[in-house]
């Protein structure tokens, strides 16, 4: 029997780019929360939103959701995030 190994990594070629600078603080900032639609993500982000607003002084939290965790965010979701003019985005990855 022949064994076939499959690479689970996304091998899509992408242009090399520099990572965005980290925020020095979330105080006074508009923060985006991106739910990737895995189980438990909404609960995690609900708690995180409360912490950002009440304990860390974020000015506002904007919520976004991907239709599925199995694919990158579609362009219309990225466009919504950009139009919301958030200063940072946190993505929920855990179940």
C-alpha atoms as a PDB file:
ATOM      1  CA  UNK A   1       0.000   0.000   0.000  1.00  0.00           C
ATOM      2  CA  UNK A   2       1.346   3.403  -0.996  1.00  0.00           C
ATOM      3  CA  UNK A   3       1.336   6.271   1.539  1.00  0.00           C
ATOM      4  CA  UNK A   4       0.533   9.796   0.379  1.00  0.00           C
ATOM      5  CA  UNK A   5       1.578  12.721   2.577  1.00  0.00           C
ATOM      6  CA  UNK A   6      -0.464  15.882   2.268  1.00  0.00           C
ATOM      7  CA  UNK A   7       0.826  19.267   3.404  1.00  0.00           C
ATOM      8  CA  UNK A   8      -1.897  20.911   5.556  1.00  0.00           C
ATOM      9  CA  UNK A   9      -0.389  24.379   5.186  1.00  0.00           C
ATOM     10  CA  UNK A  10      -1.820  26.988   2.873  1.00  0.00           C
ATOM     11  CA  UNK A  11       0.788  27.311   0.142  1.00  0.00           C
ATOM     12  CA  UNK A  12      -0.858  30.236  -1.641  1.00  0.00           C
ATOM     13  CA  UNK A  13       1.913  32.553  -2.875  1.00  0.00           C
ATOM     14  CA  UNK A  14       1.695  35.971  -1.258  1.00  0.00           C
ATOM     15  CA  UNK A  15       3.800  39.080  -1.712  1.00  0.00           C
ATOM     16  CA  UNK A  16       6.231  39.729   1.090  1.00  0.00           C
ATOM     17  CA  UNK A  17       4.945  42.441   3.406  1.00  0.00           C
ATOM     18  CA  UNK A  18       5.816  44.039   6.702  1.00  0.00           C
ATOM     19  CA  UNK A  19       3.507  43.325   9.640  1.00  0.00           C
ATOM     20  CA  UNK A  20       1.388  46.200  10.936  1.00  0.00           C
ATOM     21  CA  UNK A  21       2.729  47.993  13.993  1.00  0.00           C
ATOM     22  CA  UNK A  22       1.251  46.897  17.324  1.00  0.00           C
ATOM     23  CA  UNK A  23      -0.980  49.319  19.177  1.00  0.00           C
ATOM     24  CA  UNK A  24       0.607  50.834  22.272  1.00  0.00           C
ATOM     25  CA  UNK A  25      -2.814  50.627  23.967  1.00  0.00           C
ATOM     26  CA  UNK A  26      -6.472  50.020  23.113  1.00  0.00           C
ATOM     27  CA  UNK A  27      -7.543  52.991  25.254  1.00  0.00           C
ATOM     28  CA  UNK A  28      -9.607  55.376  23.144  1.00  0.00           C
ATOM     29  CA  UNK A  29      -9.336  53.158  20.058  1.00  0.00           C
ATOM     30  CA  UNK A  30     -11.960  51.462  17.893  1.00  0.00           C
ATOM     31  CA  UNK A  31     -11.243  47.734  17.939  1.00  0.00           C
ATOM     32  CA  UNK A  32     -12.643  45.170  15.511  1.00  0.00           C
ATOM     33  CA  UNK A  33     -13.455  41.644  16.675  1.00  0.00           C
ATOM     34  CA  UNK A  34     -13.551  39.009  13.934  1.00  0.00           C
ATOM     35  CA  UNK A  35     -15.455  35.811  14.690  1.00  0.00           C
ATOM     36  CA  UNK A  36     -14.274  33.023  12.377  1.00  0.00           C
ATOM     37  CA  UNK A  37     -17.467  31.028  13.062  1.00  0.00           C
ATOM     38  CA  UNK A  38     -16.004  28.222  15.152  1.00  0.00           C
ATOM     39  CA  UNK A  39     -17.807  26.942  18.208  1.00  0.00           C
ATOM     40  CA  UNK A  40     -17.293  29.137  21.259  1.00  0.00           C
ATOM     41  CA  UNK A  41     -15.944  32.097  19.296  1.00  0.00           C
ATOM     42  CA  UNK A  42     -18.988  34.284  19.948  1.00  0.00           C
ATOM     43  CA  UNK A  43     -18.836  33.600  23.707  1.00  0.00           C
ATOM     44  CA  UNK A  44     -15.119  34.379  23.783  1.00  0.00           C
ATOM     45  CA  UNK A  45     -15.583  37.620  21.847  1.00  0.00           C
ATOM     46  CA  UNK A  46     -18.570  38.674  23.985  1.00  0.00           C
ATOM     47  CA  UNK A  47     -16.315  38.475  27.055  1.00  0.00           C
ATOM     48  CA  UNK A  48     -13.409  40.128  25.265  1.00  0.00           C
ATOM     49  CA  UNK A  49     -15.629  43.007  24.117  1.00  0.00           C
ATOM     50  CA  UNK A  50     -16.721  43.626  27.704  1.00  0.00           C
ATOM     51  CA  UNK A  51     -13.107  43.605  28.924  1.00  0.00           C
ATOM     52  CA  UNK A  52     -11.933  45.941  26.158  1.00  0.00           C
ATOM     53  CA  UNK A  53     -14.666  48.484  26.901  1.00  0.00           C
ATOM     54  CA  UNK A  54     -14.902  48.296  30.688  1.00  0.00           C
ATOM     55  CA  UNK A  55     -11.358  47.520  31.797  1.00  0.00           C
ATOM     56  CA  UNK A  56      -9.123  48.719  28.982  1.00  0.00           C
ATOM     57  CA  UNK A  57     -10.911  51.873  27.829  1.00  0.00           C
ATOM     58  CA  UNK A  58     -11.557  51.026  24.188  1.00  0.00           C
ATOM     59  CA  UNK A  59     -13.749  53.725  22.662  1.00  0.00           C
ATOM     60  CA  UNK A  60     -15.829  51.285  20.647  1.00  0.00           C
ATOM     61  CA  UNK A  61     -15.894  47.655  19.512  1.00  0.00           C
ATOM     62  CA  UNK A  62     -17.062  46.662  16.034  1.00  0.00           C
ATOM     63  CA  UNK A  63     -18.036  43.011  15.412  1.00  0.00           C
ATOM     64  CA  UNK A  64     -17.518  41.050  12.190  1.00  0.00           C
ATOM     65  CA  UNK A  65     -18.039  37.385  11.262  1.00  0.00           C
ATOM     66  CA  UNK A  66     -16.621  35.156   8.579  1.00  0.00           C
ATOM     67  CA  UNK A  67     -19.162  32.799   7.003  1.00  0.00           C
ATOM     68  CA  UNK A  68     -16.882  29.804   7.654  1.00  0.00           C
ATOM     69  CA  UNK A  69     -13.621  29.085   9.445  1.00  0.00           C
ATOM     70  CA  UNK A  70     -12.396  26.909   6.570  1.00  0.00           C
ATOM     71  CA  UNK A  71     -11.575  29.771   4.212  1.00  0.00           C
ATOM     72  CA  UNK A  72     -10.007  33.240   4.419  1.00  0.00           C
ATOM     73  CA  UNK A  73     -12.367  36.143   5.056  1.00  0.00           C
ATOM     74  CA  UNK A  74     -14.144  37.102   1.833  1.00  0.00           C
ATOM     75  CA  UNK A  75     -13.425  40.486   0.294  1.00  0.00           C
ATOM     76  CA  UNK A  76     -16.774  41.941   1.409  1.00  0.00           C
ATOM     77  CA  UNK A  77     -15.893  41.226   5.075  1.00  0.00           C
ATOM     78  CA  UNK A  78     -12.439  42.796   4.670  1.00  0.00           C
ATOM     79  CA  UNK A  79     -14.122  45.813   3.027  1.00  0.00           C
ATOM     80  CA  UNK A  80     -16.559  46.151   5.972  1.00  0.00           C
ATOM     81  CA  UNK A  81     -13.636  46.068   8.412  1.00  0.00           C
ATOM     82  CA  UNK A  82     -11.799  48.731   6.423  1.00  0.00           C
ATOM     83  CA  UNK A  83     -14.888  50.974   6.196  1.00  0.00           C
ATOM     84  CA  UNK A  84     -15.378  50.704   9.971  1.00  0.00           C
ATOM     85  CA  UNK A  85     -11.996  52.437  10.375  1.00  0.00           C
ATOM     86  CA  UNK A  86     -10.911  50.229  13.249  1.00  0.00           C
ATOM     87  CA  UNK A  87      -7.434  50.793  14.640  1.00  0.00           C
ATOM     88  CA  UNK A  88      -6.899  47.132  15.487  1.00  0.00           C
ATOM     89  CA  UNK A  89      -8.523  43.742  14.870  1.00  0.00           C
ATOM     90  CA  UNK A  90      -8.621  40.704  17.130  1.00  0.00           C
ATOM     91  CA  UNK A  91      -9.553  37.380  15.522  1.00  0.00           C
ATOM     92  CA  UNK A  92     -11.104  34.553  17.585  1.00  0.00           C
ATOM     93  CA  UNK A  93      -9.484  31.255  16.628  1.00  0.00           C
ATOM     94  CA  UNK A  94     -10.304  28.870  19.468  1.00  0.00           C
ATOM     95  CA  UNK A  95     -13.220  26.480  19.890  1.00  0.00           C
END
